[in-house]
Amino acid sequence: MSTIPDLEWYSRISREKQMPTRCPFATIKACPRYYQSTSLLPSTGATGIEKKEDEKLLRMWKKSDLWPATAEAASSVFKANDKLSFIAQFCPEVVFERFGYFSSFLSRYSDEIDSDAAHRKLSRENIPPNDPRWYWEDSKAQHYSECPLYAVLEHRSAKGADKEEAPWWREHLAEIIVGVFVALATVLLTKIFG
């Protein structure tokens, strides 16, 4: 049976992994993949980020080590004859909001002949109407925990939270105590023998 990457599927994986239902980094300022996918939405027929804001975000993310180093790693949209052909390396959160599936890759049928043949097959097999194969020739379901950026963002977030929770001196408390003890001992010994 084919995976139907809808909200029920996504929520189930999140519960099984004891994670938040939706990605905690799914904003244009917290994740470069979310930003890049959102920025490319106009190429899919959706509205986009306001131009000045988009330019500002692009400058910010291009300075980040999280920005894709290769074209293959970047979110992309491919069109043939002005029609959407496929999207790749997209944030599954953005794809769900636009197309209704938590996927990182979606590819349209190449023509009506392929689409019609696939629909006849899906009908014969009684495939439910929410299956992505009714709309897409190929798709790659993805939970946010499988995103290559998620682990890095989570690690950095946890590391930053630790630093904010504990004062700087707590990490060096033993050295501070030893330093104070040595200073007091030096003063005391100087007064006694000095």
C-alpha atoms as a PDB file:
ATOM      1  CA  MET A   1       0.000   0.000   0.000  1.00  0.00           C
ATOM      2  CA  SER A   2       1.193   3.478  -0.872  1.00  0.00           C
ATOM      3  CA  THR A   3       1.855   6.037   1.847  1.00  0.00           C
ATOM      4  CA  ILE A   4      -0.652   8.876   2.004  1.00  0.00           C
ATOM      5  CA  PRO A   5       1.423  11.642   3.622  1.00  0.00           C
ATOM      6  CA  ASP A   6      -1.481  13.585   5.077  1.00  0.00           C
ATOM      7  CA  LEU A   7      -1.849  15.193   8.503  1.00  0.00           C
ATOM      8  CA  GLU A   8      -2.959  11.904  10.082  1.00  0.00           C
ATOM      9  CA  TRP A   9       0.194  10.131   8.810  1.00  0.00           C
ATOM     10  CA  TYR A  10       2.426  13.018   9.905  1.00  0.00           C
ATOM     11  CA  SER A  11       0.819  13.249  13.352  1.00  0.00           C
ATOM     12  CA  ARG A  12       1.160   9.502  13.901  1.00  0.00           C
ATOM     13  CA  ILE A  13       4.903   9.615  13.163  1.00  0.00           C
ATOM     14  CA  SER A  14       5.297  12.609  15.471  1.00  0.00           C
ATOM     15  CA  ARG A  15       3.484  10.762  18.297  1.00  0.00           C
ATOM     16  CA  GLU A  16       5.556   7.601  17.756  1.00  0.00           C
ATOM     17  CA  LYS A  17       8.756   9.648  17.934  1.00  0.00           C
ATOM     18  CA  GLN A  18       7.410  11.712  20.853  1.00  0.00           C
ATOM     19  CA  MET A  19       8.003  14.916  18.916  1.00  0.00           C
ATOM     20  CA  PRO A  20       5.840  17.981  18.278  1.00  0.00           C
ATOM     21  CA  THR A  21       3.167  17.360  15.636  1.00  0.00           C
ATOM     22  CA  ARG A  22       4.598  19.990  13.300  1.00  0.00           C
ATOM     23  CA  CYS A  23       8.172  21.128  12.751  1.00  0.00           C
ATOM     24  CA  PRO A  24       9.223  23.635  15.417  1.00  0.00           C
ATOM     25  CA  PHE A  25      11.526  25.369  12.894  1.00  0.00           C
ATOM     26  CA  ALA A  26       8.886  25.892  10.186  1.00  0.00           C
ATOM     27  CA  THR A  27       9.309  29.640   9.732  1.00  0.00           C
ATOM     28  CA  ILE A  28      11.134  31.720   7.149  1.00  0.00           C
ATOM     29  CA  LYS A  29      13.564  33.057   9.772  1.00  0.00           C
ATOM     30  CA  ALA A  30      14.307  29.759  11.538  1.00  0.00           C
ATOM     31  CA  CYS A  31      15.017  27.397   8.632  1.00  0.00           C
ATOM     32  CA  PRO A  32      16.645  28.040   5.248  1.00  0.00           C
ATOM     33  CA  ARG A  33      14.756  25.173   3.562  1.00  0.00           C
ATOM     34  CA  TYR A  34      11.430  26.502   4.793  1.00  0.00           C
ATOM     35  CA  TYR A  35      12.406  29.970   3.561  1.00  0.00           C
ATOM     36  CA  GLN A  36      13.661  28.735   0.186  1.00  0.00           C
ATOM     37  CA  SER A  37      10.570  26.581  -0.393  1.00  0.00           C
ATOM     38  CA  THR A  38       8.266  29.465   0.552  1.00  0.00           C
ATOM     39  CA  SER A  39      10.220  31.857  -1.664  1.00  0.00           C
ATOM     40  CA  LEU A  40       9.704  29.535  -4.643  1.00  0.00           C
ATOM     41  CA  LEU A  41       5.923  29.205  -4.174  1.00  0.00           C
ATOM     42  CA  PRO A  42       5.094  31.800  -6.852  1.00  0.00           C
ATOM     43  CA  SER A  43       6.643  29.400  -9.391  1.00  0.00           C
ATOM     44  CA  THR A  44       3.963  26.873  -8.385  1.00  0.00           C
ATOM     45  CA  GLY A  45       1.096  29.315  -8.852  1.00  0.00           C
ATOM     46  CA  ALA A  46       0.853  30.490  -5.227  1.00  0.00           C
ATOM     47  CA  THR A  47       1.468  33.907  -3.729  1.00  0.00           C
ATOM     48  CA  GLY A  48       4.941  34.729  -2.481  1.00  0.00           C
ATOM     49  CA  ILE A  49       6.832  36.665   0.131  1.00  0.00           C
ATOM     50  CA  GLU A  50       6.795  40.460  -0.299  1.00  0.00           C
ATOM     51  CA  LYS A  51       9.757  41.364  -2.548  1.00  0.00           C
ATOM     52  CA  LYS A  52      11.764  43.500  -0.090  1.00  0.00           C
ATOM     53  CA  GLU A  53      11.316  40.946   2.682  1.00  0.00           C
ATOM     54  CA  ASP A  54      12.321  38.125   0.329  1.00  0.00           C
ATOM     55  CA  GLU A  55      15.501  39.967  -0.708  1.00  0.00           C
ATOM     56  CA  LYS A  56      16.371  40.656   2.940  1.00  0.00           C
ATOM     57  CA  LEU A  57      15.844  37.008   3.898  1.00  0.00           C
ATOM     58  CA  LEU A  58      17.857  35.781   0.924  1.00  0.00           C
ATOM     59  CA  ARG A  59      20.828  37.941   1.954  1.00  0.00           C
ATOM     60  CA  MET A  60      20.544  36.673   5.530  1.00  0.00           C
ATOM     61  CA  TRP A  61      20.357  32.986   4.598  1.00  0.00           C
ATOM     62  CA  LYS A  62      23.104  33.136   1.969  1.00  0.00           C
ATOM     63  CA  LYS A  63      25.507  34.126   4.774  1.00  0.00           C
ATOM     64  CA  SER A  64      24.532  31.060   6.797  1.00  0.00           C
ATOM     65  CA  ASP A  65      26.439  27.777   6.757  1.00  0.00           C
ATOM     66  CA  LEU A  66      22.990  26.137   6.488  1.00  0.00           C
ATOM     67  CA  TRP A  67      22.437  27.534   2.991  1.00  0.00           C
ATOM     68  CA  PRO A  68      22.713  24.763   0.350  1.00  0.00           C
ATOM     69  CA  ALA A  69      26.244  24.489  -1.038  1.00  0.00           C
ATOM     70  CA  THR A  70      25.137  22.805  -4.280  1.00  0.00           C
ATOM     71  CA  ALA A  71      22.220  23.215  -6.681  1.00  0.00           C
ATOM     72  CA  GLU A  72      21.207  19.599  -6.006  1.00  0.00           C
ATOM     73  CA  ALA A  73      20.742  20.374  -2.304  1.00  0.00           C
ATOM     74  CA  ALA A  74      18.702  23.518  -2.961  1.00  0.00           C
ATOM     75  CA  SER A  75      14.914  23.638  -3.185  1.00  0.00           C
ATOM     76  CA  SER A  76      13.907  23.861  -6.831  1.00  0.00           C
ATOM     77  CA  VAL A  77      10.941  24.120  -9.166  1.00  0.00           C
ATOM     78  CA  PHE A  78      11.012  22.801 -12.718  1.00  0.00           C
ATOM     79  CA  LYS A  79       8.474  23.881 -15.308  1.00  0.00           C
ATOM     80  CA  ALA A  80       7.904  22.590 -18.818  1.00  0.00           C
ATOM     81  CA  ASN A  81       5.976  24.822 -21.217  1.00  0.00           C
ATOM     82  CA  ASP A  82       5.027  27.109 -18.316  1.00  0.00           C
ATOM     83  CA  LYS A  83       3.420  24.206 -16.456  1.00  0.00           C
ATOM     84  CA  LEU A  84       4.703  22.887 -13.147  1.00  0.00           C
ATOM     85  CA  SER A  85       6.589  19.665 -13.783  1.00  0.00           C
ATOM     86  CA  PHE A  86       8.166  18.948 -10.396  1.00  0.00           C
ATOM     87  CA  ILE A  87       9.405  20.389  -7.139  1.00  0.00           C
ATOM     88  CA  ALA A  88      12.435  18.982  -5.347  1.00  0.00           C
ATOM     89  CA  GLN A  89      14.172  19.398  -1.989  1.00  0.00           C
ATOM     90  CA  PHE A  90      11.164  21.238  -0.607  1.00  0.00           C
ATOM     91  CA  CYS A  91      10.229  21.584   3.040  1.00  0.00           C
ATOM     92  CA  PRO A  92       7.406  19.084   3.699  1.00  0.00           C
ATOM     93  CA  GLU A  93       5.646  21.698   5.838  1.00  0.00           C
ATOM     94  CA  VAL A  94       5.472  24.115   2.888  1.00  0.00           C
ATOM     95  CA  VAL A  95       4.377  21.368   0.479  1.00  0.00           C
ATOM     96  CA  PHE A  96       1.560  20.391   2.826  1.00  0.00           C
ATOM     97  CA  GLU A  97       0.300  23.966   3.054  1.00  0.00           C
ATOM     98  CA  ARG A  98       0.383  24.338  -0.745  1.00  0.00           C
ATOM     99  CA  PHE A  99      -0.493  20.852  -2.035  1.00  0.00           C
ATOM    100  CA  GLY A 100      -1.890  18.911   0.937  1.00  0.00           C
ATOM    101  CA  TYR A 101       0.901  16.333   1.291  1.00  0.00           C
ATOM    102  CA  PHE A 102       3.931  16.212   3.586  1.00  0.00           C
ATOM    103  CA  SER A 103       6.435  15.556   0.822  1.00  0.00           C
ATOM    104  CA  SER A 104       9.826  16.877  -0.226  1.00  0.00           C
ATOM    105  CA  PHE A 105       9.390  15.911  -3.890  1.00  0.00           C
ATOM    106  CA  LEU A 106       6.373  15.966  -6.207  1.00  0.00           C
ATOM    107  CA  SER A 107       6.386  15.216  -9.928  1.00  0.00           C
ATOM    108  CA  ARG A 108       3.429  15.681 -12.274  1.00  0.00           C
ATOM    109  CA  TYR A 109       2.468  13.154 -14.919  1.00  0.00           C
ATOM    110  CA  SER A 110       4.307  13.953 -18.138  1.00  0.00           C
ATOM    111  CA  ASP A 111       1.112  14.102 -20.202  1.00  0.00           C
ATOM    112  CA  GLU A 112      -2.592  13.247 -20.211  1.00  0.00           C
ATOM    113  CA  ILE A 113      -1.973   9.789 -21.670  1.00  0.00           C
ATOM    114  CA  ASP A 114       0.175   8.805 -18.655  1.00  0.00           C
ATOM    115  CA  SER A 115      -2.240  10.456 -16.255  1.00  0.00           C
ATOM    116  CA  ASP A 116      -5.285   8.705 -17.754  1.00  0.00           C
ATOM    117  CA  ALA A 117      -3.538   5.317 -17.689  1.00  0.00           C
ATOM    118  CA  ALA A 118      -2.557   5.816 -14.056  1.00  0.00           C
ATOM    119  CA  HIS A 119      -6.095   6.888 -13.120  1.00  0.00           C
ATOM    120  CA  ARG A 120      -7.582   3.769 -14.753  1.00  0.00           C
ATOM    121  CA  LYS A 121      -5.152   1.597 -12.775  1.00  0.00           C
ATOM    122  CA  LEU A 122      -5.876   3.441  -9.525  1.00  0.00           C
ATOM    123  CA  SER A 123      -9.633   3.012 -10.133  1.00  0.00           C
ATOM    124  CA  ARG A 124      -9.271  -0.743 -10.772  1.00  0.00           C
ATOM    125  CA  GLU A 125      -7.298  -1.075  -7.530  1.00  0.00           C
ATOM    126  CA  ASN A 126      -9.834   1.027  -5.546  1.00  0.00           C
ATOM    127  CA  ILE A 127      -7.126   3.446  -4.411  1.00  0.00           C
ATOM    128  CA  PRO A 128      -8.604   6.135  -2.133  1.00  0.00           C
ATOM    129  CA  PRO A 129      -9.019   9.628  -3.644  1.00  0.00           C
ATOM    130  CA  ASN A 130      -6.584  11.228  -1.172  1.00  0.00           C
ATOM    131  CA  ASP A 131      -3.675   9.093  -2.472  1.00  0.00           C
ATOM    132  CA  PRO A 132      -1.091  11.425  -4.090  1.00  0.00           C
ATOM    133  CA  ARG A 133      -0.891   9.200  -7.189  1.00  0.00           C
ATOM    134  CA  TRP A 134      -4.207  10.670  -8.347  1.00  0.00           C
ATOM    135  CA  TYR A 135      -2.401  13.989  -8.815  1.00  0.00           C
ATOM    136  CA  TRP A 136       1.300  13.175  -8.946  1.00  0.00           C
ATOM    137  CA  GLU A 137       3.255  10.572 -10.873  1.00  0.00           C
ATOM    138  CA  ASP A 138       5.879  10.455  -8.152  1.00  0.00           C
ATOM    139  CA  SER A 139       6.220  11.821  -4.646  1.00  0.00           C
ATOM    140  CA  LYS A 140       8.525  11.429  -1.682  1.00  0.00           C
ATOM    141  CA  ALA A 141       6.751  11.479   1.660  1.00  0.00           C
ATOM    142  CA  GLN A 142       8.863  13.085   4.372  1.00  0.00           C
ATOM    143  CA  HIS A 143       8.423  13.752   8.072  1.00  0.00           C
ATOM    144  CA  TYR A 144      10.310  16.808   9.295  1.00  0.00           C
ATOM    145  CA  SER A 145      12.539  14.617  11.477  1.00  0.00           C
ATOM    146  CA  GLU A 146      13.971  13.142   8.248  1.00  0.00           C
ATOM    147  CA  CYS A 147      14.906  16.556   6.851  1.00  0.00           C
ATOM    148  CA  PRO A 148      18.704  16.876   6.650  1.00  0.00           C
ATOM    149  CA  LEU A 149      18.553  20.307   8.314  1.00  0.00           C
ATOM    150  CA  TYR A 150      16.354  19.265  11.229  1.00  0.00           C
ATOM    151  CA  ALA A 151      19.102  17.566  13.270  1.00  0.00           C
ATOM    152  CA  VAL A 152      21.424  20.559  12.872  1.00  0.00           C
ATOM    153  CA  LEU A 153      18.713  23.059  13.818  1.00  0.00           C
ATOM    154  CA  GLU A 154      17.639  20.929  16.787  1.00  0.00           C
ATOM    155  CA  HIS A 155      21.231  20.542  18.009  1.00  0.00           C
ATOM    156  CA  ARG A 156      21.934  24.261  17.714  1.00  0.00           C
ATOM    157  CA  SER A 157      18.650  25.115  19.375  1.00  0.00           C
ATOM    158  CA  ALA A 158      19.318  22.789  22.323  1.00  0.00           C
ATOM    159  CA  LYS A 159      22.895  24.037  22.637  1.00  0.00           C
ATOM    160  CA  GLY A 160      21.708  27.643  22.643  1.00  0.00           C
ATOM    161  CA  ALA A 161      18.990  26.858  25.206  1.00  0.00           C
ATOM    162  CA  ASP A 162      21.550  25.304  27.553  1.00  0.00           C
ATOM    163  CA  LYS A 163      23.699  28.425  27.383  1.00  0.00           C
ATOM    164  CA  GLU A 164      20.725  30.659  28.111  1.00  0.00           C
ATOM    165  CA  GLU A 165      19.521  28.590  31.072  1.00  0.00           C
ATOM    166  CA  ALA A 166      22.846  28.266  32.909  1.00  0.00           C
ATOM    167  CA  PRO A 167      24.862  31.373  33.834  1.00  0.00           C
ATOM    168  CA  TRP A 168      28.348  31.537  32.330  1.00  0.00           C
ATOM    169  CA  TRP A 169      30.092  31.129  35.671  1.00  0.00           C
ATOM    170  CA  ARG A 170      28.418  27.797  36.470  1.00  0.00           C
ATOM    171  CA  GLU A 171      30.530  25.984  33.881  1.00  0.00           C
ATOM    172  CA  HIS A 172      33.724  27.420  35.494  1.00  0.00           C
ATOM    173  CA  LEU A 173      32.643  27.301  39.139  1.00  0.00           C
ATOM    174  CA  ALA A 174      35.377  24.844  40.226  1.00  0.00           C
ATOM    175  CA  GLU A 175      38.103  27.003  38.651  1.00  0.00           C
ATOM    176  CA  ILE A 176      36.683  30.137  40.285  1.00  0.00           C
ATOM    177  CA  ILE A 177      36.667  28.482  43.723  1.00  0.00           C
ATOM    178  CA  VAL A 178      40.236  27.244  43.308  1.00  0.00           C
ATOM    179  CA  GLY A 179      41.325  30.703  42.137  1.00  0.00           C
ATOM    180  CA  VAL A 180      39.692  32.417  45.119  1.00  0.00           C
ATOM    181  CA  PHE A 181      41.238  29.841  47.500  1.00  0.00           C
ATOM    182  CA  VAL A 182      44.727  30.350  46.002  1.00  0.00           C
ATOM    183  CA  ALA A 183      44.350  34.158  46.220  1.00  0.00           C
ATOM    184  CA  LEU A 184      43.247  33.996  49.873  1.00  0.00           C
ATOM    185  CA  ALA A 185      46.023  31.564  50.733  1.00  0.00           C
ATOM    186  CA  THR A 186      48.580  33.850  49.072  1.00  0.00           C
ATOM    187  CA  VAL A 187      47.350  36.885  51.030  1.00  0.00           C
ATOM    188  CA  LEU A 188      47.316  34.917  54.281  1.00  0.00           C
ATOM    189  CA  LEU A 189      50.802  33.475  53.751  1.00  0.00           C
ATOM    190  CA  THR A 190      52.138  36.930  52.805  1.00  0.00           C
ATOM    191  CA  LYS A 191      50.816  38.409  56.078  1.00  0.00           C
ATOM    192  CA  ILE A 192      52.206  35.547  58.154  1.00  0.00           C
ATOM    193  CA  PHE A 193      55.637  35.368  56.543  1.00  0.00           C
ATOM    194  CA  GLY A 194      55.827  38.798  55.034  1.00  0.00           C
END
